[in-house]
Amino acid sequence: MGFFDKLFGSKKPAKPEAVAASAEKGVVCAPATGRVEVTDQIPDPVFACEAMGQTVAVWPVDGNVFAPVAGTIASAMPHAFGIAGDDGVEVLVHVGVDTVNMKGDGFEVWVKAGDHVAAGDPVLSFDRDKVAKAGYKDIIMTIITNTDDMASIEKVAEGQVAAGAKLMQTAHCAGPARPAG
């Protein structure tokens, strides 16, 4: 920390520690601690109608966002990230409604595309006050974008949830049988 950081305060938030998360196959964990919102009450029609895939949203208690699955970061933007899960699930985590308009102001991304993360690893942090002052809602959506590849998706979280707790349980479709020989 330099002299100006001590004098004026550091602008960059500290990277949070990883949280304990389920390593069970097919589990998608909560990316943040907070209150689970009923899907059709999400304040964005695209997410509320699940146009991008099965969605669970959390109103966060802080600005730390963690990997919901183990896998490779497919994309990392200040307000959203995608993960290709090691078990085949593809997950998009989107922070806020219309926060793309903030152009990264108030967001800190801890990963880059191509990084491998474990479930519960910190991925990004954001300043909840800046999001509110910009006039946006900071609800965090977790979307399974390859919903059609799943035999089933069960939304298991309700009420309050801790980052790393089970949010959804997935089961993959069985692939076509391969001929012997």
C-alpha atoms as a PDB file:
ATOM      1  CA  MET A   1       0.000   0.000   0.000  1.00  0.00           C
ATOM      2  CA  GLY A   2       1.475   3.331  -1.052  1.00  0.00           C
ATOM      3  CA  PHE A   3       1.397   6.730   0.643  1.00  0.00           C
ATOM      4  CA  PHE A   4      -1.635   7.959  -1.337  1.00  0.00           C
ATOM      5  CA  ASP A   5      -3.565   4.762  -0.596  1.00  0.00           C
ATOM      6  CA  LYS A   6      -2.930   5.313   3.122  1.00  0.00           C
ATOM      7  CA  LEU A   7      -3.863   8.974   2.867  1.00  0.00           C
ATOM      8  CA  PHE A   8      -6.944   8.690   0.650  1.00  0.00           C
ATOM      9  CA  GLY A   9      -7.866   5.044   1.047  1.00  0.00           C
ATOM     10  CA  SER A  10      -7.309   2.290  -1.469  1.00  0.00           C
ATOM     11  CA  LYS A  11      -9.787   2.237  -4.363  1.00  0.00           C
ATOM     12  CA  LYS A  12      -9.261  -1.468  -5.029  1.00  0.00           C
ATOM     13  CA  PRO A  13     -11.117  -3.858  -2.719  1.00  0.00           C
ATOM     14  CA  ALA A  14      -9.229  -6.707  -1.100  1.00  0.00           C
ATOM     15  CA  LYS A  15      -9.654 -10.057  -2.807  1.00  0.00           C
ATOM     16  CA  PRO A  16     -11.909 -12.194  -0.594  1.00  0.00           C
ATOM     17  CA  GLU A  17     -10.931 -15.633   0.637  1.00  0.00           C
ATOM     18  CA  ALA A  18     -12.525 -18.636  -1.057  1.00  0.00           C
ATOM     19  CA  VAL A  19     -15.656 -20.042   0.590  1.00  0.00           C
ATOM     20  CA  ALA A  20     -16.395 -23.690   1.297  1.00  0.00           C
ATOM     21  CA  ALA A  21     -18.530 -25.054  -1.541  1.00  0.00           C
ATOM     22  CA  SER A  22     -20.042 -28.386  -2.495  1.00  0.00           C
ATOM     23  CA  ALA A  23     -17.887 -30.494  -4.780  1.00  0.00           C
ATOM     24  CA  GLU A  24     -20.694 -32.935  -5.577  1.00  0.00           C
ATOM     25  CA  LYS A  25     -21.263 -33.712  -9.238  1.00  0.00           C
ATOM     26  CA  GLY A  26     -24.181 -31.754 -10.659  1.00  0.00           C
ATOM     27  CA  VAL A  27     -24.296 -29.171  -7.875  1.00  0.00           C
ATOM     28  CA  VAL A  28     -24.418 -25.479  -8.755  1.00  0.00           C
ATOM     29  CA  CYS A  29     -23.567 -23.426  -5.669  1.00  0.00           C
ATOM     30  CA  ALA A  30     -24.749 -19.990  -4.611  1.00  0.00           C
ATOM     31  CA  PRO A  31     -22.290 -17.369  -5.905  1.00  0.00           C
ATOM     32  CA  ALA A  32     -23.138 -14.990  -3.058  1.00  0.00           C
ATOM     33  CA  THR A  33     -24.637 -14.860   0.408  1.00  0.00           C
ATOM     34  CA  GLY A  34     -28.121 -13.395   0.551  1.00  0.00           C
ATOM     35  CA  ARG A  35     -31.833 -13.934   0.029  1.00  0.00           C
ATOM     36  CA  VAL A  36     -33.078 -16.122  -2.812  1.00  0.00           C
ATOM     37  CA  GLU A  37     -35.652 -14.346  -5.005  1.00  0.00           C
ATOM     38  CA  VAL A  38     -38.628 -16.089  -6.593  1.00  0.00           C
ATOM     39  CA  THR A  39     -37.693 -16.405 -10.276  1.00  0.00           C
ATOM     40  CA  ASP A  40     -40.706 -14.617 -11.732  1.00  0.00           C
ATOM     41  CA  GLN A  41     -40.064 -11.716  -9.329  1.00  0.00           C
ATOM     42  CA  ILE A  42     -36.555 -10.990 -10.667  1.00  0.00           C
ATOM     43  CA  PRO A  43     -36.601  -7.294 -11.689  1.00  0.00           C
ATOM     44  CA  ASP A  44     -35.476  -8.014 -15.262  1.00  0.00           C
ATOM     45  CA  PRO A  45     -37.865  -9.696 -17.724  1.00  0.00           C
ATOM     46  CA  VAL A  46     -35.151 -11.646 -19.581  1.00  0.00           C
ATOM     47  CA  PHE A  47     -33.971 -13.329 -16.387  1.00  0.00           C
ATOM     48  CA  ALA A  48     -37.458 -13.581 -14.857  1.00  0.00           C
ATOM     49  CA  CYS A  49     -38.795 -15.569 -17.823  1.00  0.00           C
ATOM     50  CA  GLU A  50     -35.616 -17.686 -17.948  1.00  0.00           C
ATOM     51  CA  ALA A  51     -34.999 -16.869 -21.618  1.00  0.00           C
ATOM     52  CA  MET A  52     -31.304 -17.707 -21.226  1.00  0.00           C
ATOM     53  CA  GLY A  53     -31.865 -20.867 -19.153  1.00  0.00           C
ATOM     54  CA  GLN A  54     -32.935 -22.016 -15.699  1.00  0.00           C
ATOM     55  CA  THR A  55     -32.225 -19.142 -13.298  1.00  0.00           C
ATOM     56  CA  VAL A  56     -31.919 -18.606  -9.556  1.00  0.00           C
ATOM     57  CA  ALA A  57     -31.292 -15.105  -8.206  1.00  0.00           C
ATOM     58  CA  VAL A  58     -29.886 -13.870  -4.890  1.00  0.00           C
ATOM     59  CA  TRP A  59     -30.142 -10.408  -3.308  1.00  0.00           C
ATOM     60  CA  PRO A  60     -26.602 -10.188  -1.876  1.00  0.00           C
ATOM     61  CA  VAL A  61     -25.561  -9.039   1.589  1.00  0.00           C
ATOM     62  CA  ASP A  62     -22.144  -7.947   0.332  1.00  0.00           C
ATOM     63  CA  GLY A  63     -20.274  -7.380  -2.934  1.00  0.00           C
ATOM     64  CA  ASN A  64     -18.339 -10.647  -3.155  1.00  0.00           C
ATOM     65  CA  VAL A  65     -19.153 -13.133  -5.913  1.00  0.00           C
ATOM     66  CA  PHE A  66     -17.756 -16.669  -6.048  1.00  0.00           C
ATOM     67  CA  ALA A  67     -17.552 -19.470  -8.612  1.00  0.00           C
ATOM     68  CA  PRO A  68     -20.721 -21.594  -8.428  1.00  0.00           C
ATOM     69  CA  VAL A  69     -18.984 -24.624  -9.998  1.00  0.00           C
ATOM     70  CA  ALA A  70     -15.498 -25.898 -10.685  1.00  0.00           C
ATOM     71  CA  GLY A  71     -14.494 -25.241 -14.261  1.00  0.00           C
ATOM     72  CA  THR A  72     -12.859 -22.963 -16.780  1.00  0.00           C
ATOM     73  CA  ILE A  73     -13.742 -19.294 -17.003  1.00  0.00           C
ATOM     74  CA  ALA A  74     -15.218 -18.853 -20.489  1.00  0.00           C
ATOM     75  CA  SER A  75     -15.691 -15.096 -20.169  1.00  0.00           C
ATOM     76  CA  ALA A  76     -15.007 -12.531 -17.466  1.00  0.00           C
ATOM     77  CA  MET A  77     -16.589  -9.099 -17.695  1.00  0.00           C
ATOM     78  CA  PRO A  78     -16.825  -6.683 -14.804  1.00  0.00           C
ATOM     79  CA  HIS A  79     -20.562  -7.386 -14.264  1.00  0.00           C
ATOM     80  CA  ALA A  80     -20.797 -11.025 -15.393  1.00  0.00           C
ATOM     81  CA  PHE A  81     -18.832 -14.200 -15.983  1.00  0.00           C
ATOM     82  CA  GLY A  82     -19.361 -17.557 -17.633  1.00  0.00           C
ATOM     83  CA  ILE A  83     -17.947 -20.904 -16.533  1.00  0.00           C
ATOM     84  CA  ALA A  84     -17.725 -24.140 -18.496  1.00  0.00           C
ATOM     85  CA  GLY A  85     -18.078 -26.565 -15.608  1.00  0.00           C
ATOM     86  CA  ASP A  86     -15.852 -29.590 -15.292  1.00  0.00           C
ATOM     87  CA  ASP A  87     -19.003 -31.756 -15.195  1.00  0.00           C
ATOM     88  CA  GLY A  88     -20.483 -30.234 -18.382  1.00  0.00           C
ATOM     89  CA  VAL A  89     -22.799 -27.602 -16.922  1.00  0.00           C
ATOM     90  CA  GLU A  90     -22.445 -24.118 -18.403  1.00  0.00           C
ATOM     91  CA  VAL A  91     -23.177 -21.299 -15.971  1.00  0.00           C
ATOM     92  CA  LEU A  92     -23.532 -17.558 -16.412  1.00  0.00           C
ATOM     93  CA  VAL A  93     -23.440 -15.365 -13.311  1.00  0.00           C
ATOM     94  CA  HIS A  94     -24.785 -11.862 -13.911  1.00  0.00           C
ATOM     95  CA  VAL A  95     -24.441  -9.138 -11.271  1.00  0.00           C
ATOM     96  CA  GLY A  96     -27.228  -6.595 -11.276  1.00  0.00           C
ATOM     97  CA  VAL A  97     -29.813  -5.297 -13.690  1.00  0.00           C
ATOM     98  CA  ASP A  98     -28.395  -3.051 -16.441  1.00  0.00           C
ATOM     99  CA  THR A  99     -25.037  -2.818 -14.634  1.00  0.00           C
ATOM    100  CA  VAL A 100     -23.319  -3.260 -17.995  1.00  0.00           C
ATOM    101  CA  ASN A 101     -23.979   0.494 -18.320  1.00  0.00           C
ATOM    102  CA  MET A 102     -21.514   1.111 -15.480  1.00  0.00           C
ATOM    103  CA  LYS A 103     -18.683   0.033 -17.827  1.00  0.00           C
ATOM    104  CA  GLY A 104     -16.838  -1.699 -14.987  1.00  0.00           C
ATOM    105  CA  ASP A 105     -16.899   1.240 -12.566  1.00  0.00           C
ATOM    106  CA  GLY A 106     -17.137  -0.206  -9.066  1.00  0.00           C
ATOM    107  CA  PHE A 107     -16.285  -3.760 -10.159  1.00  0.00           C
ATOM    108  CA  GLU A 108     -13.079  -5.743  -9.638  1.00  0.00           C
ATOM    109  CA  VAL A 109     -12.569  -9.011 -11.536  1.00  0.00           C
ATOM    110  CA  TRP A 110     -10.210 -11.544  -9.938  1.00  0.00           C
ATOM    111  CA  VAL A 111     -10.028 -14.000 -12.891  1.00  0.00           C
ATOM    112  CA  LYS A 112      -9.614 -13.981 -16.653  1.00  0.00           C
ATOM    113  CA  ALA A 113     -10.888 -16.163 -19.481  1.00  0.00           C
ATOM    114  CA  GLY A 114      -9.065 -19.487 -19.507  1.00  0.00           C
ATOM    115  CA  ASP A 115      -8.462 -19.614 -15.744  1.00  0.00           C
ATOM    116  CA  HIS A 116      -9.559 -22.768 -13.943  1.00  0.00           C
ATOM    117  CA  VAL A 117     -11.476 -22.164 -10.710  1.00  0.00           C
ATOM    118  CA  ALA A 118     -12.809 -24.355  -7.940  1.00  0.00           C
ATOM    119  CA  ALA A 119     -16.362 -23.892  -6.697  1.00  0.00           C
ATOM    120  CA  GLY A 120     -16.183 -21.189  -4.031  1.00  0.00           C
ATOM    121  CA  ASP A 121     -13.174 -19.336  -5.483  1.00  0.00           C
ATOM    122  CA  PRO A 122     -13.579 -15.535  -5.622  1.00  0.00           C
ATOM    123  CA  VAL A 123     -14.380 -14.335  -9.154  1.00  0.00           C
ATOM    124  CA  LEU A 124     -15.358 -10.697  -8.751  1.00  0.00           C
ATOM    125  CA  SER A 125     -16.227  -8.031  -6.213  1.00  0.00           C
ATOM    126  CA  PHE A 126     -18.408  -4.971  -6.635  1.00  0.00           C
ATOM    127  CA  ASP A 127     -19.294  -1.842  -4.719  1.00  0.00           C
ATOM    128  CA  ARG A 128     -22.970  -2.193  -3.789  1.00  0.00           C
ATOM    129  CA  ASP A 129     -23.218   1.514  -2.932  1.00  0.00           C
ATOM    130  CA  LYS A 130     -21.937   2.532  -6.386  1.00  0.00           C
ATOM    131  CA  VAL A 131     -24.446   0.225  -8.041  1.00  0.00           C
ATOM    132  CA  ALA A 132     -27.282   1.747  -5.974  1.00  0.00           C
ATOM    133  CA  LYS A 133     -26.092   5.317  -6.584  1.00  0.00           C
ATOM    134  CA  ALA A 134     -26.027   4.578 -10.334  1.00  0.00           C
ATOM    135  CA  GLY A 135     -29.703   3.612 -10.019  1.00  0.00           C
ATOM    136  CA  TYR A 136     -29.332  -0.134 -10.577  1.00  0.00           C
ATOM    137  CA  LYS A 137     -30.375  -3.195  -8.596  1.00  0.00           C
ATOM    138  CA  ASP A 138     -27.580  -5.501  -7.429  1.00  0.00           C
ATOM    139  CA  ILE A 139     -29.439  -8.826  -7.581  1.00  0.00           C
ATOM    140  CA  ILE A 140     -27.168 -11.677  -8.747  1.00  0.00           C
ATOM    141  CA  MET A 141     -28.546 -14.159 -11.283  1.00  0.00           C
ATOM    142  CA  THR A 142     -27.123 -17.648 -11.759  1.00  0.00           C
ATOM    143  CA  ILE A 143     -28.193 -19.141 -15.088  1.00  0.00           C
ATOM    144  CA  ILE A 144     -27.619 -22.636 -16.474  1.00  0.00           C
ATOM    145  CA  THR A 145     -27.204 -21.702 -20.118  1.00  0.00           C
ATOM    146  CA  ASN A 146     -27.157 -25.255 -21.456  1.00  0.00           C
ATOM    147  CA  THR A 147     -30.471 -26.172 -19.829  1.00  0.00           C
ATOM    148  CA  ASP A 148     -31.431 -28.290 -22.854  1.00  0.00           C
ATOM    149  CA  ASP A 149     -28.441 -30.574 -22.173  1.00  0.00           C
ATOM    150  CA  MET A 150     -29.788 -31.425 -18.731  1.00  0.00           C
ATOM    151  CA  ALA A 151     -32.160 -34.289 -17.945  1.00  0.00           C
ATOM    152  CA  SER A 152     -33.276 -32.309 -14.908  1.00  0.00           C
ATOM    153  CA  ILE A 153     -32.560 -29.157 -12.943  1.00  0.00           C
ATOM    154  CA  GLU A 154     -33.868 -28.794  -9.421  1.00  0.00           C
ATOM    155  CA  LYS A 155     -33.823 -25.408  -7.699  1.00  0.00           C
ATOM    156  CA  VAL A 156     -33.077 -26.339  -4.092  1.00  0.00           C
ATOM    157  CA  ALA A 157     -32.320 -23.040  -2.321  1.00  0.00           C
ATOM    158  CA  GLU A 158     -34.991 -20.936  -0.638  1.00  0.00           C
ATOM    159  CA  GLY A 159     -34.915 -18.076   1.851  1.00  0.00           C
ATOM    160  CA  GLN A 160     -31.430 -17.163   3.009  1.00  0.00           C
ATOM    161  CA  VAL A 161     -28.449 -18.860   1.391  1.00  0.00           C
ATOM    162  CA  ALA A 162     -24.722 -18.741   2.053  1.00  0.00           C
ATOM    163  CA  ALA A 163     -22.153 -18.410  -0.716  1.00  0.00           C
ATOM    164  CA  GLY A 164     -21.054 -21.937  -1.601  1.00  0.00           C
ATOM    165  CA  ALA A 165     -24.309 -23.579  -0.472  1.00  0.00           C
ATOM    166  CA  LYS A 166     -26.269 -25.772  -2.889  1.00  0.00           C
ATOM    167  CA  LEU A 167     -28.400 -23.593  -5.189  1.00  0.00           C
ATOM    168  CA  MET A 168     -29.361 -26.058  -7.942  1.00  0.00           C
ATOM    169  CA  GLN A 169     -28.922 -29.762  -8.610  1.00  0.00           C
ATOM    170  CA  THR A 170     -28.510 -30.929 -12.205  1.00  0.00           C
ATOM    171  CA  ALA A 171     -28.549 -34.280 -13.957  1.00  0.00           C
ATOM    172  CA  HIS A 172     -27.176 -34.683 -17.464  1.00  0.00           C
ATOM    173  CA  CYS A 173     -29.055 -36.322 -20.285  1.00  0.00           C
ATOM    174  CA  ALA A 174     -27.725 -39.713 -21.172  1.00  0.00           C
ATOM    175  CA  GLY A 175     -25.931 -39.604 -24.494  1.00  0.00           C
ATOM    176  CA  PRO A 176     -26.804 -41.927 -27.361  1.00  0.00           C
ATOM    177  CA  ALA A 177     -25.611 -45.470 -26.980  1.00  0.00           C
ATOM    178  CA  ARG A 178     -22.422 -46.159 -28.893  1.00  0.00           C
ATOM    179  CA  PRO A 179     -22.233 -49.240 -31.064  1.00  0.00           C
ATOM    180  CA  ALA A 180     -19.880 -51.950 -29.820  1.00  0.00           C
ATOM    181  CA  GLY A 181     -16.792 -52.674 -31.744  1.00  0.00           C
END
